[in-house]
C-alpha atoms as a PDB file:
ATOM      1  CA  MET A   1       0.194  -0.205   0.004  1.00  0.00           C
ATOM      2  CA  ALA A   2       1.417   3.257  -1.241  1.00  0.00           C
ATOM      3  CA  PHE A   3       2.059   5.625   1.755  1.00  0.00           C
ATOM      4  CA  ILE A   4      -0.538   8.035   0.169  1.00  0.00           C
ATOM      5  CA  ASP A   5      -3.147   5.593   0.561  1.00  0.00           C
ATOM      6  CA  LYS A   6      -2.127   4.665   4.234  1.00  0.00           C
ATOM      7  CA  PHE A   7      -2.335   8.348   5.001  1.00  0.00           C
ATOM      8  CA  ALA A   8      -5.893   8.932   3.116  1.00  0.00           C
ATOM      9  CA  SER A   9      -7.136   5.841   4.986  1.00  0.00           C
ATOM     10  CA  ARG A  10      -6.441   7.318   8.574  1.00  0.00           C
ATOM     11  CA  LEU A  11      -7.772  10.580   7.608  1.00  0.00           C
ATOM     12  CA  GLY A  12     -10.714   9.220   6.052  1.00  0.00           C
ATOM     13  CA  VAL A  13     -10.312  10.786   2.616  1.00  0.00           C
ATOM     14  CA  LEU A  14     -13.171  10.352   0.458  1.00  0.00           C
ATOM     15  CA  ASP A  15     -12.164   7.694  -2.316  1.00  0.00           C
ATOM     16  CA  TYR A  16     -14.968   7.405  -5.363  1.00  0.00           C
ATOM     17  CA  LYS A  17     -15.225   3.710  -6.070  1.00  0.00           C
ATOM     18  CA  GLY A  18     -18.134   3.789  -8.610  1.00  0.00           C
ATOM     19  CA  THR A  19     -21.713   3.116  -8.746  1.00  0.00           C
ATOM     20  CA  TRP A  20     -23.717   0.548  -6.995  1.00  0.00           C
ATOM     21  CA  ASP A  21     -26.788  -1.119  -7.751  1.00  0.00           C
ATOM     22  CA  ALA A  22     -28.522  -1.451  -4.490  1.00  0.00           C
ATOM     23  CA  GLY A  23     -31.297  -4.102  -5.862  1.00  0.00           C
ATOM     24  CA  VAL A  24     -28.616  -6.869  -6.874  1.00  0.00           C
ATOM     25  CA  ASN A  25     -26.018  -5.418  -4.515  1.00  0.00           C
ATOM     26  CA  SER A  26     -23.322  -5.365  -7.486  1.00  0.00           C
ATOM     27  CA  PRO A  27     -20.547  -4.796  -6.574  1.00  0.00           C
ATOM     28  CA  ASN A  28     -21.189  -6.631  -3.202  1.00  0.00           C
ATOM     29  CA  LEU A  29     -20.420  -4.326  -0.763  1.00  0.00           C
ATOM     30  CA  ALA A  30     -21.405  -6.687   2.158  1.00  0.00           C
ATOM     31  CA  THR A  31     -18.635  -8.895   1.730  1.00  0.00           C
ATOM     32  CA  SER A  32     -16.255  -6.667   0.253  1.00  0.00           C
ATOM     33  CA  PRO A  33     -13.574  -5.510   2.683  1.00  0.00           C
ATOM     34  CA  PRO A  34     -13.859  -1.578   2.364  1.00  0.00           C
ATOM     35  CA  LYS A  35     -11.677   0.961   3.756  1.00  0.00           C
ATOM     36  CA  LYS A  36     -12.612   4.449   5.369  1.00  0.00           C
ATOM     37  CA  GLY A  37     -13.261   6.675   2.837  1.00  0.00           C
ATOM     38  CA  HIS A  38     -14.153   4.704   0.355  1.00  0.00           C
ATOM     39  CA  TYR A  39     -17.556   5.430  -1.155  1.00  0.00           C
ATOM     40  CA  TYR A  40     -20.368   4.416  -4.157  1.00  0.00           C
ATOM     41  CA  ILE A  41     -23.096   6.285  -5.635  1.00  0.00           C
ATOM     42  CA  VAL A  42     -26.641   4.271  -5.983  1.00  0.00           C
ATOM     43  CA  SER A  43     -27.185   3.765  -9.660  1.00  0.00           C
ATOM     44  CA  ALA A  44     -30.299   1.592  -8.967  1.00  0.00           C
ATOM     45  CA  ALA A  45     -32.749   1.425  -5.868  1.00  0.00           C
ATOM     46  CA  GLY A  46     -32.823  -1.442  -4.066  1.00  0.00           C
ATOM     47  CA  SER A  47     -33.189  -2.979  -0.548  1.00  0.00           C
ATOM     48  CA  THR A  48     -29.772  -4.731   0.268  1.00  0.00           C
ATOM     49  CA  ASN A  49     -28.928  -4.341   3.760  1.00  0.00           C
ATOM     50  CA  LEU A  50     -25.544  -2.937   4.525  1.00  0.00           C
ATOM     51  CA  ASP A  51     -25.183  -2.090   8.584  1.00  0.00           C
ATOM     52  CA  GLY A  52     -28.946  -1.880   9.099  1.00  0.00           C
ATOM     53  CA  ILE A  53     -29.457   0.220   6.157  1.00  0.00           C
ATOM     54  CA  SER A  54     -31.863  -1.185   3.801  1.00  0.00           C
ATOM     55  CA  THR A  55     -33.907   1.569   1.578  1.00  0.00           C
ATOM     56  CA  TRP A  56     -31.559   2.777  -1.346  1.00  0.00           C
ATOM     57  CA  GLU A  57     -32.601   5.535  -3.610  1.00  0.00           C
ATOM     58  CA  VAL A  58     -30.785   6.668  -7.045  1.00  0.00           C
ATOM     59  CA  GLY A  59     -28.156   9.201  -6.233  1.00  0.00           C
ATOM     60  CA  ASP A  60     -27.734   7.948  -2.449  1.00  0.00           C
ATOM     61  CA  TRP A  61     -24.005   7.874  -1.200  1.00  0.00           C
ATOM     62  CA  VAL A  62     -22.860   4.641   0.356  1.00  0.00           C
ATOM     63  CA  ILE A  63     -19.802   5.743   2.502  1.00  0.00           C
ATOM     64  CA  HIS A  64     -17.501   3.562   4.575  1.00  0.00           C
ATOM     65  CA  ASN A  65     -16.406   5.096   7.988  1.00  0.00           C
ATOM     66  CA  GLY A  66     -13.947   2.514   8.894  1.00  0.00           C
ATOM     67  CA  GLN A  67     -16.177   0.319  10.913  1.00  0.00           C
ATOM     68  CA  ASN A  68     -19.558   0.534   9.032  1.00  0.00           C
ATOM     69  CA  TRP A  69     -21.429   1.170   6.093  1.00  0.00           C
ATOM     70  CA  GLN A  70     -23.069   4.698   6.403  1.00  0.00           C
ATOM     71  CA  LYS A  71     -25.692   6.761   3.792  1.00  0.00           C
ATOM     72  CA  MET A  72     -25.586  10.151   2.967  1.00  0.00           C
ATOM     73  CA  ASP A  73     -29.510  10.274   1.586  1.00  0.00           C
ATOM     74  CA  ALA A  74     -30.135  11.985  -1.892  1.00  0.00           C
ATOM     75  CA  ALA A  75     -33.140  13.569  -0.573  1.00  0.00           C
ATOM     76  CA  ASP A  76     -30.071  15.131   2.092  1.00  0.00           C
ATOM     77  CA  LYS A  77     -28.668  16.585  -1.332  1.00  0.00           C
ATOM     78  CA  ALA A  78     -31.820  17.923  -2.495  1.00  0.00           C
ATOM     79  CA  LYS A  79     -32.326  20.181   0.354  1.00  0.00           C
ATOM     80  CA  THR A  80     -28.874  21.446   0.005  1.00  0.00           C
ATOM     81  CA  SER A  81     -29.732  22.350  -3.224  1.00  0.00           C
ATOM     82  CA  GLN A  82     -32.579  23.849  -2.229  1.00  0.00           C
ATOM     83  CA  LEU A  83     -31.077  25.710   0.458  1.00  0.00           C
ATOM     84  CA  GLU A  84     -28.372  26.914  -2.019  1.00  0.00           C
ATOM     85  CA  THR A  85     -31.201  28.150  -4.428  1.00  0.00           C
ATOM     86  CA  SER A  86     -33.022  30.338  -1.711  1.00  0.00           C
ATOM     87  CA  ILE A  87     -29.719  31.586  -0.352  1.00  0.00           C
ATOM     88  CA  ASN A  88     -29.057  32.835  -3.767  1.00  0.00           C
ATOM     89  CA  SER A  89     -32.496  33.990  -4.337  1.00  0.00           C
ATOM     90  CA  LEU A  90     -32.055  36.141  -1.045  1.00  0.00           C
ATOM     91  CA  SER A  91     -28.562  37.357  -2.175  1.00  0.00           C
ATOM     92  CA  SER A  92     -30.199  38.678  -5.304  1.00  0.00           C
ATOM     93  CA  THR A  93     -32.977  40.366  -3.157  1.00  0.00           C
ATOM     94  CA  VAL A  94     -30.580  41.907  -1.013  1.00  0.00           C
ATOM     95  CA  THR A  95     -28.617  42.730  -4.429  1.00  0.00           C
ATOM     96  CA  THR A  96     -31.642  44.680  -5.459  1.00  0.00           C
ATOM     97  CA  ILE A  97     -32.415  46.593  -2.075  1.00  0.00           C
ATOM     98  CA  ALA A  98     -28.988  47.698  -1.774  1.00  0.00           C
ATOM     99  CA  ALA A  99     -29.032  49.109  -5.262  1.00  0.00           C
ATOM    100  CA  ALA A 100     -32.073  50.818  -4.443  1.00  0.00           C
ATOM    101  CA  THR A 101     -30.845  52.106  -1.275  1.00  0.00           C
ATOM    102  CA  GLN A 102     -28.126  53.938  -3.057  1.00  0.00           C
ATOM    103  CA  SER A 103     -30.922  55.943  -5.297  1.00  0.00           C
ATOM    104  CA  LEU A 104     -32.517  56.963  -1.585  1.00  0.00           C
ATOM    105  CA  PRO A 105     -30.498  60.188  -1.411  1.00  0.00           C
ATOM    106  CA  ASN A 106     -31.673  61.347  -4.568  1.00  0.00           C
ATOM    107  CA  LEU A 107     -34.883  60.349  -3.604  1.00  0.00           C
ATOM    108  CA  THR A 108     -34.858  62.526  -0.433  1.00  0.00           C
ATOM    109  CA  THR A 109     -33.453  65.540  -2.126  1.00  0.00           C
ATOM    110  CA  ALA A 110     -36.531  64.998  -4.962  1.00  0.00           C
ATOM    111  CA  VAL A 111     -38.799  64.566  -2.153  1.00  0.00           C
ATOM    112  CA  SER A 112     -37.476  67.814  -0.394  1.00  0.00           C
ATOM    113  CA  GLU A 113     -37.664  69.960  -3.882  1.00  0.00           C
ATOM    114  CA  LEU A 114     -41.365  68.572  -3.941  1.00  0.00           C
ATOM    115  CA  GLN A 115     -42.277  70.037  -0.918  1.00  0.00           C
ATOM    116  CA  ALA A 116     -40.449  73.176  -1.165  1.00  0.00           C
ATOM    117  CA  SER A 117     -42.752  73.255  -4.420  1.00  0.00           C
ATOM    118  CA  ASN A 118     -45.769  72.766  -2.971  1.00  0.00           C
ATOM    119  CA  LEU A 119     -44.933  75.503  -0.238  1.00  0.00           C
ATOM    120  CA  ASN A 120     -44.649  78.021  -3.202  1.00  0.00           C
ATOM    121  CA  ILE A 121     -47.606  76.885  -4.935  1.00  0.00           C
ATOM    122  CA  VAL A 122     -49.683  77.481  -1.594  1.00  0.00           C
ATOM    123  CA  SER A 123     -48.138  80.818  -1.223  1.00  0.00           C
ATOM    124  CA  ASP A 124     -49.137  81.956  -4.563  1.00  0.00           C
ATOM    125  CA  ILE A 125     -52.463  79.998  -4.178  1.00  0.00           C
ATOM    126  CA  SER A 126     -52.891  82.244  -0.771  1.00  0.00           C
ATOM    127  CA  ALA A 127     -51.811  85.309  -2.593  1.00  0.00           C
ATOM    128  CA  ILE A 128     -54.106  84.877  -5.656  1.00  0.00           C
ATOM    129  CA  GLU A 129     -57.209  84.173  -3.008  1.00  0.00           C
ATOM    130  CA  SER A 130     -55.954  87.796  -1.311  1.00  0.00           C
ATOM    131  CA  SER A 131     -56.344  89.451  -4.757  1.00  0.00           C
ATOM    132  CA  ILE A 132     -59.542  88.049  -5.264  1.00  0.00           C
ATOM    133  CA  LYS A 133     -60.817  89.152  -2.107  1.00  0.00           C
ATOM    134  CA  ASP A 134     -59.269  92.351  -2.238  1.00  0.00           C
ATOM    135  CA  PHE A 135     -60.943  92.652  -5.918  1.00  0.00           C
ATOM    136  CA  ARG A 136     -64.286  91.861  -4.508  1.00  0.00           C
ATOM    137  CA  LEU A 137     -63.993  94.498  -1.748  1.00  0.00           C
ATOM    138  CA  SER A 138     -62.922  97.076  -4.292  1.00  0.00           C
ATOM    139  CA  GLU A 139     -66.039  96.328  -6.504  1.00  0.00           C
ATOM    140  CA  VAL A 140     -68.248  96.784  -3.456  1.00  0.00           C
ATOM    141  CA  PHE A 141     -66.727  99.925  -2.412  1.00  0.00           C
ATOM    142  CA  LEU A 142     -66.736 101.536  -6.022  1.00  0.00           C
ATOM    143  CA  CYS A 143     -70.604 100.378  -6.618  1.00  0.00           C
ATOM    144  CA  CYS A 144     -71.709 102.804  -3.632  1.00  0.00           C
END
């Protein structure tokens, strides 16, 4: 056994061995002497019993921990993928919000300008109303 193999087996580095048909147990994992870190990906679903695990779906991983076979469920990988999609979506939303936040100072300035313009309009309307009142009063005094 090469030095690298000894080192990897002690650390438990994953070592892909291929696919495994859980329906017919091929290759036969129940009798083959695996090493820590050896793993297979299930290519055909089945119910072969490996160290108490007997439900296998396509995409599951069969991983040896040095003493027993363990299973990484394909559904767990799907959940991880869904979580990654959600994180990417959230990241996109945060980016959009950040971009919108950068335009807030311009929006604040525009609102201030509109408020100032509104005050000018209110002042102009008051002046017009006052002029109208003065005009009516002048009509009243002129006619008598």
